[in-house]
């Protein structure tokens, strides 16, 4: 098992455009929270609606991050090391579910 390689992690994060994905997700989450707050006041939605929407947004965050990371993994190349092939194989299987 290879050790922790900060440069490899940084390259993966940059390739996944993780900061852009998170910025869009947090911006959309903020807008949704504001809309839920307005609709709760105006339409008289139940008290559990706001915490429920917040919980769903928090559950969605790791899914969005995982999808961005899985979609950024390149296909295995013939010259790739076995560890890189394994990561690409796992990503290939996960790409079916995380699109």
PDB file of N, CA and C in Angstrom:
ATOM      1  N   UNK A   1       0.845  -1.173   0.000  1.00  0.00           N
ATOM      2  CA  UNK A   1       0.000   0.000   0.000  1.00  0.00           C
ATOM      3  C   UNK A   1       0.886   1.230   0.000  1.00  0.00           C
ATOM      4  N   UNK A   2       0.618   2.131  -0.893  1.00  0.00           N
ATOM      5  CA  UNK A   2       1.428   3.334  -1.020  1.00  0.00           C
ATOM      6  C   UNK A   2       1.111   4.290   0.120  1.00  0.00           C
ATOM      7  N   UNK A   3       2.094   5.120   0.469  1.00  0.00           N
ATOM      8  CA  UNK A   3       1.913   6.115   1.507  1.00  0.00           C
ATOM      9  C   UNK A   3       1.092   7.291   1.011  1.00  0.00           C
ATOM     10  N   UNK A   4       0.821   8.196   1.894  1.00  0.00           N
ATOM     11  CA  UNK A   4       0.052   9.391   1.560  1.00  0.00           C
ATOM     12  C   UNK A   4       0.896  10.298   0.681  1.00  0.00           C
ATOM     13  N   UNK A   5       0.376  10.618  -0.473  1.00  0.00           N
ATOM     14  CA  UNK A   5       1.082  11.490  -1.410  1.00  0.00           C
ATOM     15  C   UNK A   5       0.249  12.754  -1.621  1.00  0.00           C
ATOM     16  N   UNK A   6       0.642  13.867  -0.967  1.00  0.00           N
ATOM     17  CA  UNK A   6      -0.147  15.093  -1.071  1.00  0.00           C
ATOM     18  C   UNK A   6      -0.289  15.589  -2.513  1.00  0.00           C
ATOM     19  N   UNK A   7       0.744  15.441  -3.311  1.00  0.00           N
ATOM     20  CA  UNK A   7       0.683  15.920  -4.691  1.00  0.00           C
ATOM     21  C   UNK A   7      -0.347  15.132  -5.499  1.00  0.00           C
ATOM     22  N   UNK A   8      -0.424  13.837  -5.268  1.00  0.00           N
ATOM     23  CA  UNK A   8      -1.406  13.013  -5.977  1.00  0.00           C
ATOM     24  C   UNK A   8      -2.828  13.412  -5.584  1.00  0.00           C
ATOM     25  N   UNK A   9      -3.045  13.667  -4.286  1.00  0.00           N
ATOM     26  CA  UNK A   9      -4.374  14.108  -3.844  1.00  0.00           C
ATOM     27  C   UNK A   9      -4.719  15.460  -4.448  1.00  0.00           C
ATOM     28  N   UNK A  10      -3.770  16.371  -4.434  1.00  0.00           N
ATOM     29  CA  UNK A  10      -4.015  17.702  -4.992  1.00  0.00           C
ATOM     30  C   UNK A  10      -4.337  17.603  -6.489  1.00  0.00           C
ATOM     31  N   UNK A  11      -3.623  16.753  -7.202  1.00  0.00           N
ATOM     32  CA  UNK A  11      -3.905  16.573  -8.633  1.00  0.00           C
ATOM     33  C   UNK A  11      -5.309  16.008  -8.856  1.00  0.00           C
ATOM     34  N   UNK A  12      -5.708  15.070  -8.000  1.00  0.00           N
ATOM     35  CA  UNK A  12      -7.047  14.498  -8.117  1.00  0.00           C
ATOM     36  C   UNK A  12      -8.113  15.550  -7.851  1.00  0.00           C
ATOM     37  N   UNK A  13      -7.905  16.372  -6.834  1.00  0.00           N
ATOM     38  CA  UNK A  13      -8.858  17.436  -6.512  1.00  0.00           C
ATOM     39  C   UNK A  13      -8.951  18.443  -7.648  1.00  0.00           C
ATOM     40  N   UNK A  14      -7.817  18.815  -8.219  1.00  0.00           N
ATOM     41  CA  UNK A  14      -7.835  19.770  -9.342  1.00  0.00           C
ATOM     42  C   UNK A  14      -8.492  19.163 -10.564  1.00  0.00           C
ATOM     43  N   UNK A  15      -8.202  17.898 -10.857  1.00  0.00           N
ATOM     44  CA  UNK A  15      -8.779  17.233 -12.023  1.00  0.00           C
ATOM     45  C   UNK A  15     -10.294  17.099 -11.868  1.00  0.00           C
ATOM     46  N   UNK A  16     -10.778  16.918 -10.641  1.00  0.00           N
ATOM     47  CA  UNK A  16     -12.203  16.778 -10.381  1.00  0.00           C
ATOM     48  C   UNK A  16     -12.909  18.132 -10.333  1.00  0.00           C
ATOM     49  N   UNK A  17     -12.132  19.212 -10.372  1.00  0.00           N
ATOM     50  CA  UNK A  17     -12.708  20.560 -10.243  1.00  0.00           C
ATOM     51  C   UNK A  17     -13.569  20.631  -8.981  1.00  0.00           C
ATOM     52  N   UNK A  18     -13.028  20.083  -7.905  1.00  0.00           N
ATOM     53  CA  UNK A  18     -13.784  19.942  -6.665  1.00  0.00           C
ATOM     54  C   UNK A  18     -14.179  21.293  -6.079  1.00  0.00           C
ATOM     55  N   UNK A  19     -13.314  22.290  -6.161  1.00  0.00           N
ATOM     56  CA  UNK A  19     -13.646  23.599  -5.605  1.00  0.00           C
ATOM     57  C   UNK A  19     -14.806  24.232  -6.370  1.00  0.00           C
ATOM     58  N   UNK A  20     -14.833  24.069  -7.684  1.00  0.00           N
ATOM     59  CA  UNK A  20     -15.932  24.605  -8.488  1.00  0.00           C
ATOM     60  C   UNK A  20     -17.230  23.862  -8.163  1.00  0.00           C
ATOM     61  N   UNK A  21     -17.147  22.553  -8.050  1.00  0.00           N
ATOM     62  CA  UNK A  21     -18.336  21.757  -7.725  1.00  0.00           C
ATOM     63  C   UNK A  21     -18.883  22.156  -6.364  1.00  0.00           C
ATOM     64  N   UNK A  22     -18.000  22.320  -5.379  1.00  0.00           N
ATOM     65  CA  UNK A  22     -18.444  22.707  -4.037  1.00  0.00           C
ATOM     66  C   UNK A  22     -19.022  24.118  -4.021  1.00  0.00           C
ATOM     67  N   UNK A  23     -18.438  25.037  -4.785  1.00  0.00           N
ATOM     68  CA  UNK A  23     -18.967  26.396  -4.840  1.00  0.00           C
ATOM     69  C   UNK A  23     -20.381  26.403  -5.410  1.00  0.00           C
ATOM     70  N   UNK A  24     -20.604  25.653  -6.472  1.00  0.00           N
ATOM     71  CA  UNK A  24     -21.944  25.574  -7.061  1.00  0.00           C
ATOM     72  C   UNK A  24     -22.909  24.901  -6.082  1.00  0.00           C
ATOM     73  N   UNK A  25     -22.463  23.836  -5.428  1.00  0.00           N
ATOM     74  CA  UNK A  25     -23.334  23.124  -4.495  1.00  0.00           C
ATOM     75  C   UNK A  25     -23.717  24.006  -3.315  1.00  0.00           C
ATOM     76  N   UNK A  26     -22.745  24.707  -2.737  1.00  0.00           N
ATOM     77  CA  UNK A  26     -23.054  25.559  -1.591  1.00  0.00           C
ATOM     78  C   UNK A  26     -23.905  26.763  -2.004  1.00  0.00           C
ATOM     79  N   UNK A  27     -23.686  27.297  -3.189  1.00  0.00           N
ATOM     80  CA  UNK A  27     -24.524  28.387  -3.677  1.00  0.00           C
ATOM     81  C   UNK A  27     -25.970  27.939  -3.873  1.00  0.00           C
ATOM     82  N   UNK A  28     -26.138  26.791  -4.488  1.00  0.00           N
ATOM     83  CA  UNK A  28     -27.488  26.250  -4.688  1.00  0.00           C
ATOM     84  C   UNK A  28     -28.124  25.884  -3.346  1.00  0.00           C
ATOM     85  N   UNK A  29     -27.342  25.346  -2.431  1.00  0.00           N
ATOM     86  CA  UNK A  29     -27.864  25.002  -1.108  1.00  0.00           C
ATOM     87  C   UNK A  29     -28.335  26.243  -0.364  1.00  0.00           C
ATOM     88  N   UNK A  30     -27.576  27.317  -0.467  1.00  0.00           N
ATOM     89  CA  UNK A  30     -27.969  28.565   0.182  1.00  0.00           C
ATOM     90  C   UNK A  30     -29.296  29.062  -0.393  1.00  0.00           C
ATOM     91  N   UNK A  31     -29.430  29.014  -1.711  1.00  0.00           N
ATOM     92  CA  UNK A  31     -30.680  29.452  -2.352  1.00  0.00           C
ATOM     93  C   UNK A  31     -31.854  28.570  -1.919  1.00  0.00           C
ATOM     94  N   UNK A  32     -31.628  27.275  -1.832  1.00  0.00           N
ATOM     95  CA  UNK A  32     -32.692  26.359  -1.421  1.00  0.00           C
ATOM     96  C   UNK A  32     -33.105  26.624   0.020  1.00  0.00           C
ATOM     97  N   UNK A  33     -32.132  26.831   0.893  1.00  0.00           N
ATOM     98  CA  UNK A  33     -32.436  27.117   2.300  1.00  0.00           C
ATOM     99  C   UNK A  33     -33.245  28.409   2.412  1.00  0.00           C
ATOM    100  N   UNK A  34     -32.877  29.415   1.629  1.00  0.00           N
ATOM    101  CA  UNK A  34     -33.622  30.674   1.663  1.00  0.00           C
ATOM    102  C   UNK A  34     -35.053  30.472   1.176  1.00  0.00           C
ATOM    103  N   UNK A  35     -35.225  29.717   0.098  1.00  0.00           N
ATOM    104  CA  UNK A  35     -36.563  29.447  -0.417  1.00  0.00           C
ATOM    105  C   UNK A  35     -37.404  28.644   0.572  1.00  0.00           C
ATOM    106  N   UNK A  36     -36.784  27.664   1.199  1.00  0.00           N
ATOM    107  CA  UNK A  36     -37.503  26.863   2.198  1.00  0.00           C
ATOM    108  C   UNK A  36     -37.937  27.740   3.359  1.00  0.00           C
ATOM    109  N   UNK A  37     -37.071  28.645   3.788  1.00  0.00           N
ATOM    110  CA  UNK A  37     -37.415  29.551   4.880  1.00  0.00           C
ATOM    111  C   UNK A  37     -38.589  30.452   4.491  1.00  0.00           C
ATOM    112  N   UNK A  38     -38.541  31.000   3.292  1.00  0.00           N
ATOM    113  CA  UNK A  38     -39.628  31.863   2.818  1.00  0.00           C
ATOM    114  C   UNK A  38     -40.931  31.075   2.695  1.00  0.00           C
ATOM    115  N   UNK A  39     -40.861  29.892   2.077  1.00  0.00           N
ATOM    116  CA  UNK A  39     -42.071  29.094   1.891  1.00  0.00           C
ATOM    117  C   UNK A  39     -42.637  28.604   3.215  1.00  0.00           C
ATOM    118  N   UNK A  40     -41.760  28.314   4.183  1.00  0.00           N
ATOM    119  CA  UNK A  40     -42.234  27.878   5.492  1.00  0.00           C
ATOM    120  C   UNK A  40     -43.041  28.992   6.154  1.00  0.00           C
ATOM    121  N   UNK A  41     -42.554  30.227   6.049  1.00  0.00           N
ATOM    122  CA  UNK A  41     -43.275  31.358   6.634  1.00  0.00           C
ATOM    123  C   UNK A  41     -44.549  31.680   5.862  1.00  0.00           C
ATOM    124  N   UNK A  42     -44.471  31.724   4.543  1.00  0.00           N
ATOM    125  CA  UNK A  42     -45.602  32.152   3.720  1.00  0.00           C
ATOM    126  C   UNK A  42     -46.692  31.090   3.584  1.00  0.00           C
ATOM    127  N   UNK A  43     -46.301  29.838   3.442  1.00  0.00           N
ATOM    128  CA  UNK A  43     -47.276  28.776   3.187  1.00  0.00           C
ATOM    129  C   UNK A  43     -47.650  27.975   4.428  1.00  0.00           C
ATOM    130  N   UNK A  44     -46.977  28.261   5.533  1.00  0.00           N
ATOM    131  CA  UNK A  44     -47.295  27.556   6.766  1.00  0.00           C
ATOM    132  C   UNK A  44     -46.886  26.091   6.743  1.00  0.00           C
ATOM    133  N   UNK A  45     -45.750  25.804   6.156  1.00  0.00           N
ATOM    134  CA  UNK A  45     -45.263  24.428   6.125  1.00  0.00           C
ATOM    135  C   UNK A  45     -44.940  23.955   7.536  1.00  0.00           C
ATOM    136  N   UNK A  46     -44.946  22.649   7.782  1.00  0.00           N
ATOM    137  CA  UNK A  46     -44.687  22.142   9.137  1.00  0.00           C
ATOM    138  C   UNK A  46     -43.280  22.499   9.628  1.00  0.00           C
ATOM    139  N   UNK A  47     -43.106  22.433  10.948  1.00  0.00           N
ATOM    140  CA  UNK A  47     -41.833  22.804  11.577  1.00  0.00           C
ATOM    141  C   UNK A  47     -40.676  21.905  11.161  1.00  0.00           C
ATOM    142  N   UNK A  48     -40.965  20.663  10.792  1.00  0.00           N
ATOM    143  CA  UNK A  48     -39.899  19.730  10.433  1.00  0.00           C
ATOM    144  C   UNK A  48     -39.382  19.959   9.016  1.00  0.00           C
ATOM    145  N   UNK A  49     -40.016  20.814   8.248  1.00  0.00           N
ATOM    146  CA  UNK A  49     -39.648  20.979   6.845  1.00  0.00           C
ATOM    147  C   UNK A  49     -38.248  21.578   6.677  1.00  0.00           C
ATOM    148  N   UNK A  50     -37.936  22.627   7.448  1.00  0.00           N
ATOM    149  CA  UNK A  50     -36.619  23.266   7.334  1.00  0.00           C
ATOM    150  C   UNK A  50     -35.489  22.311   7.744  1.00  0.00           C
ATOM    151  N   UNK A  51     -35.570  21.655   8.926  1.00  0.00           N
ATOM    152  CA  UNK A  51     -34.508  20.700   9.267  1.00  0.00           C
ATOM    153  C   UNK A  51     -34.432  19.524   8.289  1.00  0.00           C
ATOM    154  N   UNK A  52     -35.583  19.126   7.749  1.00  0.00           N
ATOM    155  CA  UNK A  52     -35.577  18.031   6.774  1.00  0.00           C
ATOM    156  C   UNK A  52     -34.850  18.418   5.496  1.00  0.00           C
ATOM    157  N   UNK A  53     -35.093  19.633   5.019  1.00  0.00           N
ATOM    158  CA  UNK A  53     -34.398  20.107   3.817  1.00  0.00           C
ATOM    159  C   UNK A  53     -32.901  20.236   4.072  1.00  0.00           C
ATOM    160  N   UNK A  54     -32.538  20.727   5.255  1.00  0.00           N
ATOM    161  CA  UNK A  54     -31.118  20.851   5.610  1.00  0.00           C
ATOM    162  C   UNK A  54     -30.460  19.477   5.682  1.00  0.00           C
ATOM    163  N   UNK A  55     -31.152  18.500   6.265  1.00  0.00           N
ATOM    164  CA  UNK A  55     -30.603  17.140   6.352  1.00  0.00           C
ATOM    165  C   UNK A  55     -30.399  16.544   4.965  1.00  0.00           C
ATOM    166  N   UNK A  56     -31.347  16.756   4.063  1.00  0.00           N
ATOM    167  CA  UNK A  56     -31.199  16.236   2.702  1.00  0.00           C
ATOM    168  C   UNK A  56     -30.019  16.880   1.982  1.00  0.00           C
ATOM    169  N   UNK A  57     -29.810  18.172   2.204  1.00  0.00           N
ATOM    170  CA  UNK A  57     -28.665  18.848   1.591  1.00  0.00           C
ATOM    171  C   UNK A  57     -27.349  18.298   2.156  1.00  0.00           C
ATOM    172  N   UNK A  58     -27.317  18.027   3.455  1.00  0.00           N
ATOM    173  CA  UNK A  58     -26.101  17.472   4.065  1.00  0.00           C
ATOM    174  C   UNK A  58     -25.836  16.043   3.591  1.00  0.00           C
ATOM    175  N   UNK A  59     -26.899  15.275   3.387  1.00  0.00           N
ATOM    176  CA  UNK A  59     -26.734  13.911   2.865  1.00  0.00           C
ATOM    177  C   UNK A  59     -26.222  13.963   1.427  1.00  0.00           C
ATOM    178  N   UNK A  60     -26.663  14.943   0.668  1.00  0.00           N
ATOM    179  CA  UNK A  60     -26.262  15.061  -0.733  1.00  0.00           C
ATOM    180  C   UNK A  60     -24.827  15.511  -0.927  1.00  0.00           C
ATOM    181  N   UNK A  61     -24.255  16.208   0.063  1.00  0.00           N
ATOM    182  CA  UNK A  61     -22.890  16.727  -0.085  1.00  0.00           C
ATOM    183  C   UNK A  61     -21.853  15.643  -0.359  1.00  0.00           C
ATOM    184  N   UNK A  62     -21.760  14.572   0.440  1.00  0.00           N
ATOM    185  CA  UNK A  62     -20.754  13.549   0.119  1.00  0.00           C
ATOM    186  C   UNK A  62     -21.026  12.832  -1.210  1.00  0.00           C
ATOM    187  N   UNK A  63     -22.296  12.761  -1.592  1.00  0.00           N
ATOM    188  CA  UNK A  63     -22.623  12.131  -2.869  1.00  0.00           C
ATOM    189  C   UNK A  63     -22.098  12.974  -4.023  1.00  0.00           C
ATOM    190  N   UNK A  64     -22.255  14.289  -3.918  1.00  0.00           N
ATOM    191  CA  UNK A  64     -21.758  15.187  -4.962  1.00  0.00           C
ATOM    192  C   UNK A  64     -20.230  15.140  -5.028  1.00  0.00           C
ATOM    193  N   UNK A  65     -19.570  15.135  -3.874  1.00  0.00           N
ATOM    194  CA  UNK A  65     -18.107  15.073  -3.841  1.00  0.00           C
ATOM    195  C   UNK A  65     -17.624  13.749  -4.428  1.00  0.00           C
ATOM    196  N   UNK A  66     -18.253  12.634  -4.046  1.00  0.00           N
ATOM    197  CA  UNK A  66     -17.855  11.334  -4.576  1.00  0.00           C
ATOM    198  C   UNK A  66     -18.058  11.273  -6.083  1.00  0.00           C
ATOM    199  N   UNK A  67     -19.158  11.827  -6.565  1.00  0.00           N
ATOM    200  CA  UNK A  67     -19.412  11.829  -7.999  1.00  0.00           C
ATOM    201  C   UNK A  67     -18.349  12.624  -8.743  1.00  0.00           C
ATOM    202  N   UNK A  68     -17.985  13.787  -8.211  1.00  0.00           N
ATOM    203  CA  UNK A  68     -16.953  14.601  -8.864  1.00  0.00           C
ATOM    204  C   UNK A  68     -15.623  13.854  -8.903  1.00  0.00           C
ATOM    205  N   UNK A  69     -15.270  13.198  -7.811  1.00  0.00           N
ATOM    206  CA  UNK A  69     -13.991  12.477  -7.768  1.00  0.00           C
ATOM    207  C   UNK A  69     -13.997  11.259  -8.683  1.00  0.00           C
ATOM    208  N   UNK A  70     -15.093  10.512  -8.695  1.00  0.00           N
ATOM    209  CA  UNK A  70     -15.164   9.313  -9.534  1.00  0.00           C
ATOM    210  C   UNK A  70     -15.140   9.692 -11.007  1.00  0.00           C
ATOM    211  N   UNK A  71     -15.844  10.741 -11.378  1.00  0.00           N
ATOM    212  CA  UNK A  71     -15.896  11.140 -12.780  1.00  0.00           C
ATOM    213  C   UNK A  71     -14.562  11.692 -13.277  1.00  0.00           C
ATOM    214  N   UNK A  72     -13.687  12.096 -12.353  1.00  0.00           N
ATOM    215  CA  UNK A  72     -12.406  12.666 -12.768  1.00  0.00           C
ATOM    216  C   UNK A  72     -11.327  11.619 -13.003  1.00  0.00           C
ATOM    217  N   UNK A  73     -11.526  10.384 -12.541  1.00  0.00           N
ATOM    218  CA  UNK A  73     -10.515   9.340 -12.680  1.00  0.00           C
ATOM    219  C   UNK A  73     -10.473   8.894 -14.136  1.00  0.00           C
ATOM    220  N   UNK A  74      -9.271   8.919 -14.696  1.00  0.00           N
ATOM    221  CA  UNK A  74      -9.088   8.535 -16.107  1.00  0.00           C
ATOM    222  C   UNK A  74      -9.150   7.023 -16.254  1.00  0.00           C
ATOM    223  N   UNK A  75      -9.385   6.573 -17.456  1.00  0.00           N
ATOM    224  CA  UNK A  75      -9.365   5.144 -17.756  1.00  0.00           C
ATOM    225  C   UNK A  75      -7.948   4.613 -17.589  1.00  0.00           C
ATOM    226  N   UNK A  76      -7.802   3.331 -17.232  1.00  0.00           N
ATOM    227  CA  UNK A  76      -6.464   2.782 -17.035  1.00  0.00           C
ATOM    228  C   UNK A  76      -5.684   2.750 -18.343  1.00  0.00           C
ATOM    229  N   UNK A  77      -4.422   3.089 -18.250  1.00  0.00           N
ATOM    230  CA  UNK A  77      -3.564   3.028 -19.430  1.00  0.00           C
ATOM    231  C   UNK A  77      -2.705   1.775 -19.337  1.00  0.00           C
ATOM    232  N   UNK A  78      -2.190   1.296 -20.456  1.00  0.00           N
ATOM    233  CA  UNK A  78      -1.379   0.070 -20.420  1.00  0.00           C
ATOM    234  C   UNK A  78      -0.122   0.220 -19.569  1.00  0.00           C
ATOM    235  N   UNK A  79       0.423   1.431 -19.475  1.00  0.00           N
ATOM    236  CA  UNK A  79       1.651   1.638 -18.724  1.00  0.00           C
ATOM    237  C   UNK A  79       1.388   1.977 -17.259  1.00  0.00           C
ATOM    238  N   UNK A  80       0.129   1.999 -16.825  1.00  0.00           N
ATOM    239  CA  UNK A  80      -0.199   2.381 -15.454  1.00  0.00           C
ATOM    240  C   UNK A  80       0.226   1.282 -14.483  1.00  0.00           C
ATOM    241  N   UNK A  81       0.523   1.700 -13.256  1.00  0.00           N
ATOM    242  CA  UNK A  81       0.903   0.731 -12.235  1.00  0.00           C
ATOM    243  C   UNK A  81      -0.334  -0.041 -11.794  1.00  0.00           C
ATOM    244  N   UNK A  82      -0.151  -1.184 -11.138  1.00  0.00           N
ATOM    245  CA  UNK A  82      -1.311  -1.962 -10.678  1.00  0.00           C
ATOM    246  C   UNK A  82      -2.217  -1.171  -9.733  1.00  0.00           C
ATOM    247  N   UNK A  83      -1.634  -0.333  -8.879  1.00  0.00           N
ATOM    248  CA  UNK A  83      -2.452   0.469  -7.964  1.00  0.00           C
ATOM    249  C   UNK A  83      -3.312   1.456  -8.742  1.00  0.00           C
ATOM    250  N   UNK A  84      -2.765   2.051  -9.797  1.00  0.00           N
ATOM    251  CA  UNK A  84      -3.535   2.989 -10.612  1.00  0.00           C
ATOM    252  C   UNK A  84      -4.624   2.246 -11.373  1.00  0.00           C
ATOM    253  N   UNK A  85      -4.326   1.048 -11.863  1.00  0.00           N
ATOM    254  CA  UNK A  85      -5.343   0.254 -12.558  1.00  0.00           C
ATOM    255  C   UNK A  85      -6.494  -0.087 -11.617  1.00  0.00           C
ATOM    256  N   UNK A  86      -6.186  -0.442 -10.373  1.00  0.00           N
ATOM    257  CA  UNK A  86      -7.219  -0.781  -9.407  1.00  0.00           C
ATOM    258  C   UNK A  86      -8.128   0.418  -9.153  1.00  0.00           C
ATOM    259  N   UNK A  87      -7.544   1.586  -8.962  1.00  0.00           N
ATOM    260  CA  UNK A  87      -8.351   2.788  -8.732  1.00  0.00           C
ATOM    261  C   UNK A  87      -9.222   3.088  -9.940  1.00  0.00           C
ATOM    262  N   UNK A  88      -8.692   2.929 -11.114  1.00  0.00           N
ATOM    263  CA  UNK A  88      -9.461   3.190 -12.327  1.00  0.00           C
ATOM    264  C   UNK A  88     -10.556   2.143 -12.509  1.00  0.00           C
ATOM    265  N   UNK A  89     -10.283   0.871 -12.137  1.00  0.00           N
ATOM    266  CA  UNK A  89     -11.297  -0.177 -12.239  1.00  0.00           C
ATOM    267  C   UNK A  89     -12.459   0.107 -11.290  1.00  0.00           C
ATOM    268  N   UNK A  90     -12.141   0.494 -10.058  1.00  0.00           N
ATOM    269  CA  UNK A  90     -13.184   0.837  -9.084  1.00  0.00           C
ATOM    270  C   UNK A  90     -13.977   2.035  -9.580  1.00  0.00           C
ATOM    271  N   UNK A  91     -13.286   3.016 -10.118  1.00  0.00           N
ATOM    272  CA  UNK A  91     -13.966   4.201 -10.643  1.00  0.00           C
ATOM    273  C   UNK A  91     -14.852   3.835 -11.828  1.00  0.00           C
ATOM    274  N   UNK A  92     -14.406   2.890 -12.640  1.00  0.00           N
ATOM    275  CA  UNK A  92     -15.212   2.460 -13.778  1.00  0.00           C
ATOM    276  C   UNK A  92     -16.526   1.830 -13.336  1.00  0.00           C
ATOM    277  N   UNK A  93     -16.477   1.035 -12.276  1.00  0.00           N
ATOM    278  CA  UNK A  93     -17.691   0.423 -11.743  1.00  0.00           C
ATOM    279  C   UNK A  93     -18.578   1.489 -11.098  1.00  0.00           C
ATOM    280  N   UNK A  94     -17.961   2.413 -10.363  1.00  0.00           N
ATOM    281  CA  UNK A  94     -18.729   3.449  -9.670  1.00  0.00           C
ATOM    282  C   UNK A  94     -19.318   4.470 -10.638  1.00  0.00           C
ATOM    283  N   UNK A  95     -18.689   4.663 -11.806  1.00  0.00           N
ATOM    284  CA  UNK A  95     -19.206   5.641 -12.776  1.00  0.00           C
ATOM    285  C   UNK A  95     -20.616   5.290 -13.225  1.00  0.00           C
ATOM    286  N   UNK A  96     -20.926   4.010 -13.231  1.00  0.00           N
ATOM    287  CA  UNK A  96     -22.273   3.589 -13.609  1.00  0.00           C
ATOM    288  C   UNK A  96     -23.313   4.152 -12.642  1.00  0.00           C
ATOM    289  N   UNK A  97     -22.970   4.191 -11.365  1.00  0.00           N
ATOM    290  CA  UNK A  97     -23.917   4.643 -10.335  1.00  0.00           C
ATOM    291  C   UNK A  97     -23.795   6.136 -10.057  1.00  0.00           C
ATOM    292  N   UNK A  98     -22.624   6.718 -10.234  1.00  0.00           N
ATOM    293  CA  UNK A  98     -22.407   8.130  -9.902  1.00  0.00           C
ATOM    294  C   UNK A  98     -22.183   8.927 -11.174  1.00  0.00           C
ATOM    295  N   UNK A  99     -23.249   9.289 -11.832  1.00  0.00           N
ATOM    296  CA  UNK A  99     -23.149  10.065 -13.073  1.00  0.00           C
ATOM    297  C   UNK A  99     -23.748  11.435 -12.890  1.00  0.00           C
TER     298      UNK A  99
END
